[in-house]
Amino acid sequence: MSKIDSAVETFITAIMDTDEYREYDLQRNRVKKYPELKAQIDEYRRRNFLLQTREDTAFEKIDQFEKEYEGFRENPLVSDFLAAELAFCRMIQGINMRITEAVHFE
């Protein structure tokens, strides 16, 4: 195994030992017990991603989307999963930014 491969394996273990990952994994496994709810969450995430990444998305569309899913997000399984996912994603984004900056990647 190369030095990089070994470091990556150690890094993965360190990530999986964080509070953010453990909470995300817990919430992900809770949601997986309800396949219909998991499918609804996936659809919510897909639509949210599309809205956030389109250049021509009007504020009204985002507001309408938020209102449409307001009740859905009040479900504790949904809100806990989405909060855990967001915290984990932010941690991963922070790591990626640090690596990119450290190696002067342009």
N, C-alpha and C. Protein backbone atom coordinates (compact mmCIF):
# COMPACT_ATOMS: atom_id res chain seq x y z
N MET A 1 0.84 -1.18 0.00
CA MET A 1 0.00 0.00 0.00
C MET A 1 0.88 1.24 0.00
N SER A 2 0.54 2.20 -0.83
CA SER A 2 1.35 3.42 -0.93
C SER A 2 1.14 4.30 0.31
N LYS A 3 2.03 5.25 0.44
CA LYS A 3 1.96 6.19 1.57
C LYS A 3 0.63 6.97 1.53
N ILE A 4 0.21 7.39 0.35
CA ILE A 4 -1.06 8.12 0.21
C ILE A 4 -2.23 7.23 0.58
N ASP A 5 -2.25 5.99 0.06
CA ASP A 5 -3.35 5.07 0.38
C ASP A 5 -3.46 4.83 1.87
N SER A 6 -2.34 4.67 2.51
CA SER A 6 -2.33 4.45 3.95
C SER A 6 -2.87 5.68 4.70
N ALA A 7 -2.42 6.86 4.27
CA ALA A 7 -2.89 8.10 4.90
C ALA A 7 -4.39 8.29 4.69
N VAL A 8 -4.88 7.96 3.49
CA VAL A 8 -6.30 8.08 3.20
C VAL A 8 -7.11 7.15 4.10
N GLU A 9 -6.65 5.93 4.26
CA GLU A 9 -7.36 4.98 5.14
C GLU A 9 -7.41 5.51 6.58
N THR A 10 -6.31 6.06 7.05
CA THR A 10 -6.26 6.64 8.39
C THR A 10 -7.21 7.84 8.49
N PHE A 11 -7.22 8.64 7.44
CA PHE A 11 -8.08 9.82 7.39
C PHE A 11 -9.56 9.43 7.41
N ILE A 12 -9.92 8.41 6.64
CA ILE A 12 -11.30 7.92 6.62
C ILE A 12 -11.71 7.46 8.01
N THR A 13 -10.84 6.74 8.68
CA THR A 13 -11.13 6.28 10.04
C THR A 13 -11.34 7.47 10.97
N ALA A 14 -10.52 8.50 10.81
CA ALA A 14 -10.65 9.70 11.64
C ALA A 14 -11.98 10.41 11.37
N ILE A 15 -12.39 10.48 10.12
CA ILE A 15 -13.67 11.11 9.78
C ILE A 15 -14.81 10.33 10.42
N MET A 16 -14.75 9.01 10.31
CA MET A 16 -15.82 8.18 10.85
C MET A 16 -15.87 8.19 12.37
N ASP A 17 -14.82 8.72 12.99
CA ASP A 17 -14.77 8.82 14.45
C ASP A 17 -15.24 10.19 14.96
N THR A 18 -15.71 11.05 14.06
CA THR A 18 -16.17 12.37 14.48
C THR A 18 -17.62 12.31 14.95
N ASP A 19 -17.98 13.27 15.78
CA ASP A 19 -19.38 13.39 16.22
C ASP A 19 -20.30 13.62 15.03
N GLU A 20 -19.85 14.43 14.07
CA GLU A 20 -20.67 14.74 12.90
C GLU A 20 -21.00 13.48 12.11
N TYR A 21 -20.00 12.65 11.88
CA TYR A 21 -20.26 11.44 11.12
C TYR A 21 -21.13 10.46 11.90
N ARG A 22 -20.83 10.28 13.18
CA ARG A 22 -21.61 9.34 13.99
C ARG A 22 -23.08 9.75 14.06
N GLU A 23 -23.34 11.04 14.20
CA GLU A 23 -24.73 11.51 14.23
C GLU A 23 -25.40 11.33 12.87
N TYR A 24 -24.68 11.64 11.80
CA TYR A 24 -25.22 11.44 10.46
C TYR A 24 -25.54 9.97 10.23
N ASP A 25 -24.64 9.09 10.59
CA ASP A 25 -24.83 7.65 10.40
C ASP A 25 -26.03 7.15 11.21
N LEU A 26 -26.16 7.62 12.44
CA LEU A 26 -27.30 7.26 13.28
C LEU A 26 -28.62 7.68 12.64
N GLN A 27 -28.68 8.94 12.20
CA GLN A 27 -29.91 9.47 11.59
C GLN A 27 -30.19 8.79 10.25
N ARG A 28 -29.16 8.53 9.47
CA ARG A 28 -29.34 7.85 8.19
C ARG A 28 -29.92 6.46 8.40
N ASN A 29 -29.42 5.74 9.38
CA ASN A 29 -29.92 4.40 9.66
C ASN A 29 -31.35 4.44 10.22
N ARG A 30 -31.69 5.46 10.98
CA ARG A 30 -33.07 5.61 11.47
C ARG A 30 -34.04 5.81 10.30
N VAL A 31 -33.65 6.67 9.36
CA VAL A 31 -34.51 6.97 8.22
C VAL A 31 -34.64 5.75 7.29
N LYS A 32 -33.58 4.98 7.16
CA LYS A 32 -33.60 3.81 6.28
C LYS A 32 -34.67 2.79 6.69
N LYS A 33 -35.10 2.85 7.93
CA LYS A 33 -36.14 1.92 8.41
C LYS A 33 -37.50 2.23 7.81
N TYR A 34 -37.63 3.40 7.19
CA TYR A 34 -38.89 3.85 6.60
C TYR A 34 -38.66 4.18 5.13
N PRO A 35 -38.70 3.18 4.26
CA PRO A 35 -38.36 3.39 2.84
C PRO A 35 -39.17 4.49 2.16
N GLU A 36 -40.46 4.61 2.48
CA GLU A 36 -41.27 5.68 1.86
C GLU A 36 -40.79 7.05 2.31
N LEU A 37 -40.50 7.17 3.59
CA LEU A 37 -39.99 8.45 4.10
C LEU A 37 -38.63 8.75 3.50
N LYS A 38 -37.78 7.74 3.38
CA LYS A 38 -36.45 7.93 2.77
C LYS A 38 -36.61 8.43 1.33
N ALA A 39 -37.56 7.86 0.60
CA ALA A 39 -37.80 8.30 -0.78
C ALA A 39 -38.28 9.75 -0.81
N GLN A 40 -39.12 10.15 0.14
CA GLN A 40 -39.59 11.53 0.21
C GLN A 40 -38.44 12.48 0.54
N ILE A 41 -37.58 12.06 1.46
CA ILE A 41 -36.42 12.88 1.80
C ILE A 41 -35.51 13.03 0.59
N ASP A 42 -35.28 11.95 -0.13
CA ASP A 42 -34.43 12.01 -1.32
C ASP A 42 -35.02 12.95 -2.37
N GLU A 43 -36.33 12.90 -2.54
CA GLU A 43 -37.00 13.81 -3.50
C GLU A 43 -36.86 15.26 -3.03
N TYR A 44 -37.04 15.51 -1.75
CA TYR A 44 -36.86 16.85 -1.20
C TYR A 44 -35.44 17.34 -1.47
N ARG A 45 -34.46 16.49 -1.19
CA ARG A 45 -33.06 16.86 -1.39
C ARG A 45 -32.76 17.12 -2.85
N ARG A 46 -33.31 16.28 -3.74
CA ARG A 46 -33.10 16.46 -5.18
C ARG A 46 -33.67 17.80 -5.64
N ARG A 47 -34.91 18.08 -5.25
CA ARG A 47 -35.54 19.34 -5.66
C ARG A 47 -34.82 20.54 -5.06
N ASN A 48 -34.40 20.44 -3.83
CA ASN A 48 -33.67 21.52 -3.18
C ASN A 48 -32.35 21.78 -3.90
N PHE A 49 -31.64 20.72 -4.24
CA PHE A 49 -30.39 20.87 -4.97
C PHE A 49 -30.61 21.57 -6.30
N LEU A 50 -31.63 21.15 -7.04
CA LEU A 50 -31.92 21.77 -8.33
C LEU A 50 -32.25 23.25 -8.18
N LEU A 51 -33.03 23.60 -7.17
CA LEU A 51 -33.35 25.01 -6.94
C LEU A 51 -32.10 25.82 -6.59
N GLN A 52 -31.24 25.24 -5.75
CA GLN A 52 -30.07 25.97 -5.29
C GLN A 52 -29.00 26.13 -6.37
N THR A 53 -28.99 25.24 -7.36
CA THR A 53 -27.93 25.28 -8.36
C THR A 53 -28.33 25.94 -9.68
N ARG A 54 -29.61 26.21 -9.84
CA ARG A 54 -30.06 26.88 -11.06
C ARG A 54 -29.79 28.38 -10.96
N GLU A 55 -29.28 28.94 -12.01
CA GLU A 55 -28.98 30.37 -12.02
C GLU A 55 -30.24 31.22 -12.10
N ASP A 56 -31.29 30.69 -12.70
CA ASP A 56 -32.48 31.49 -12.94
C ASP A 56 -33.59 31.27 -11.90
N THR A 57 -33.26 30.69 -10.75
CA THR A 57 -34.27 30.43 -9.73
C THR A 57 -34.66 31.74 -9.05
N ALA A 58 -35.94 32.05 -9.12
CA ALA A 58 -36.46 33.26 -8.49
C ALA A 58 -36.71 33.00 -7.01
N PHE A 59 -36.63 34.05 -6.23
CA PHE A 59 -36.88 33.96 -4.79
C PHE A 59 -38.26 33.37 -4.52
N GLU A 60 -39.21 33.68 -5.36
CA GLU A 60 -40.57 33.18 -5.17
C GLU A 60 -40.62 31.66 -5.25
N LYS A 61 -39.83 31.08 -6.16
CA LYS A 61 -39.80 29.62 -6.29
C LYS A 61 -39.22 28.96 -5.04
N ILE A 62 -38.20 29.58 -4.50
CA ILE A 62 -37.59 29.05 -3.28
C ILE A 62 -38.57 29.17 -2.12
N ASP A 63 -39.23 30.31 -2.02
CA ASP A 63 -40.22 30.52 -0.97
C ASP A 63 -41.37 29.51 -1.10
N GLN A 64 -41.83 29.28 -2.30
CA GLN A 64 -42.90 28.30 -2.54
C GLN A 64 -42.44 26.90 -2.14
N PHE A 65 -41.23 26.55 -2.49
CA PHE A 65 -40.66 25.24 -2.14
C PHE A 65 -40.61 25.08 -0.63
N GLU A 66 -40.13 26.10 0.07
CA GLU A 66 -40.04 26.03 1.53
C GLU A 66 -41.42 25.87 2.17
N LYS A 67 -42.40 26.58 1.65
CA LYS A 67 -43.76 26.46 2.17
C LYS A 67 -44.34 25.08 1.90
N GLU A 68 -44.06 24.55 0.72
CA GLU A 68 -44.56 23.23 0.33
C GLU A 68 -44.04 22.14 1.27
N TYR A 69 -42.81 22.27 1.71
CA TYR A 69 -42.19 21.25 2.55
C TYR A 69 -42.14 21.61 4.03
N GLU A 70 -42.78 22.69 4.42
CA GLU A 70 -42.72 23.13 5.81
C GLU A 70 -43.21 22.06 6.78
N GLY A 71 -44.38 21.49 6.53
CA GLY A 71 -44.91 20.43 7.39
C GLY A 71 -44.05 19.18 7.37
N PHE A 72 -43.54 18.83 6.20
CA PHE A 72 -42.68 17.66 6.05
C PHE A 72 -41.44 17.78 6.92
N ARG A 73 -40.85 18.97 6.94
CA ARG A 73 -39.62 19.19 7.70
C ARG A 73 -39.85 19.20 9.20
N GLU A 74 -41.12 19.30 9.62
CA GLU A 74 -41.42 19.28 11.06
C GLU A 74 -41.36 17.86 11.64
N ASN A 75 -41.38 16.86 10.77
CA ASN A 75 -41.24 15.47 11.22
C ASN A 75 -39.86 15.32 11.85
N PRO A 76 -39.78 14.89 13.11
CA PRO A 76 -38.47 14.79 13.77
C PRO A 76 -37.47 13.89 13.04
N LEU A 77 -37.92 12.82 12.42
CA LEU A 77 -37.00 11.97 11.66
C LEU A 77 -36.39 12.75 10.50
N VAL A 78 -37.21 13.54 9.85
CA VAL A 78 -36.73 14.34 8.70
C VAL A 78 -35.80 15.45 9.18
N SER A 79 -36.25 16.22 10.15
CA SER A 79 -35.44 17.36 10.59
C SER A 79 -34.12 16.91 11.20
N ASP A 80 -34.15 15.83 11.98
CA ASP A 80 -32.90 15.34 12.59
C ASP A 80 -31.93 14.83 11.52
N PHE A 81 -32.47 14.12 10.52
CA PHE A 81 -31.60 13.63 9.45
C PHE A 81 -30.99 14.79 8.67
N LEU A 82 -31.83 15.75 8.28
CA LEU A 82 -31.33 16.87 7.47
C LEU A 82 -30.31 17.71 8.24
N ALA A 83 -30.53 17.88 9.53
CA ALA A 83 -29.58 18.64 10.35
C ALA A 83 -28.25 17.89 10.45
N ALA A 84 -28.32 16.59 10.66
CA ALA A 84 -27.09 15.79 10.77
C ALA A 84 -26.35 15.76 9.43
N GLU A 85 -27.10 15.62 8.34
CA GLU A 85 -26.49 15.62 7.02
C GLU A 85 -25.79 16.96 6.74
N LEU A 86 -26.45 18.06 7.08
CA LEU A 86 -25.88 19.38 6.86
C LEU A 86 -24.58 19.56 7.66
N ALA A 87 -24.59 19.15 8.92
CA ALA A 87 -23.38 19.28 9.75
C ALA A 87 -22.24 18.46 9.18
N PHE A 88 -22.55 17.24 8.74
CA PHE A 88 -21.52 16.38 8.16
C PHE A 88 -20.99 16.97 6.85
N CYS A 89 -21.89 17.46 6.00
CA CYS A 89 -21.48 18.07 4.73
C CYS A 89 -20.60 19.29 4.96
N ARG A 90 -20.96 20.10 5.93
CA ARG A 90 -20.15 21.29 6.23
C ARG A 90 -18.75 20.89 6.69
N MET A 91 -18.67 19.82 7.49
CA MET A 91 -17.37 19.35 7.94
C MET A 91 -16.54 18.89 6.73
N ILE A 92 -17.14 18.12 5.84
CA ILE A 92 -16.43 17.62 4.65
C ILE A 92 -16.02 18.79 3.75
N GLN A 93 -16.89 19.77 3.58
CA GLN A 93 -16.55 20.94 2.78
C GLN A 93 -15.37 21.69 3.38
N GLY A 94 -15.36 21.83 4.70
CA GLY A 94 -14.24 22.49 5.37
C GLY A 94 -12.93 21.75 5.15
N ILE A 95 -12.99 20.43 5.22
CA ILE A 95 -11.80 19.61 4.98
C ILE A 95 -11.32 19.80 3.54
N ASN A 96 -12.25 19.74 2.60
CA ASN A 96 -11.88 19.93 1.19
C ASN A 96 -11.25 21.29 0.95
N MET A 97 -11.81 22.32 1.55
CA MET A 97 -11.24 23.66 1.39
C MET A 97 -9.82 23.73 1.95
N ARG A 98 -9.61 23.14 3.12
CA ARG A 98 -8.28 23.15 3.72
C ARG A 98 -7.26 22.43 2.84
N ILE A 99 -7.63 21.28 2.32
CA ILE A 99 -6.72 20.53 1.45
C ILE A 99 -6.42 21.31 0.18
N THR A 100 -7.47 21.84 -0.45
CA THR A 100 -7.30 22.60 -1.68
C THR A 100 -6.40 23.80 -1.49
N GLU A 101 -6.61 24.51 -0.38
CA GLU A 101 -5.76 25.68 -0.11
C GLU A 101 -4.33 25.27 0.20
N ALA A 102 -4.16 24.20 0.96
CA ALA A 102 -2.82 23.77 1.38
C ALA A 102 -1.95 23.33 0.20
N VAL A 103 -2.57 22.74 -0.83
CA VAL A 103 -1.78 22.29 -1.97
C VAL A 103 -1.79 23.33 -3.11
N HIS A 104 -2.35 24.49 -2.83
CA HIS A 104 -2.39 25.60 -3.80
C HIS A 104 -3.04 25.19 -5.10
N PHE A 105 -4.16 24.48 -4.98
CA PHE A 105 -4.90 24.00 -6.16
C PHE A 105 -5.71 25.15 -6.72
N GLU A 106 -5.55 25.41 -7.99
CA GLU A 106 -6.26 26.53 -8.62
C GLU A 106 -7.29 26.03 -9.55
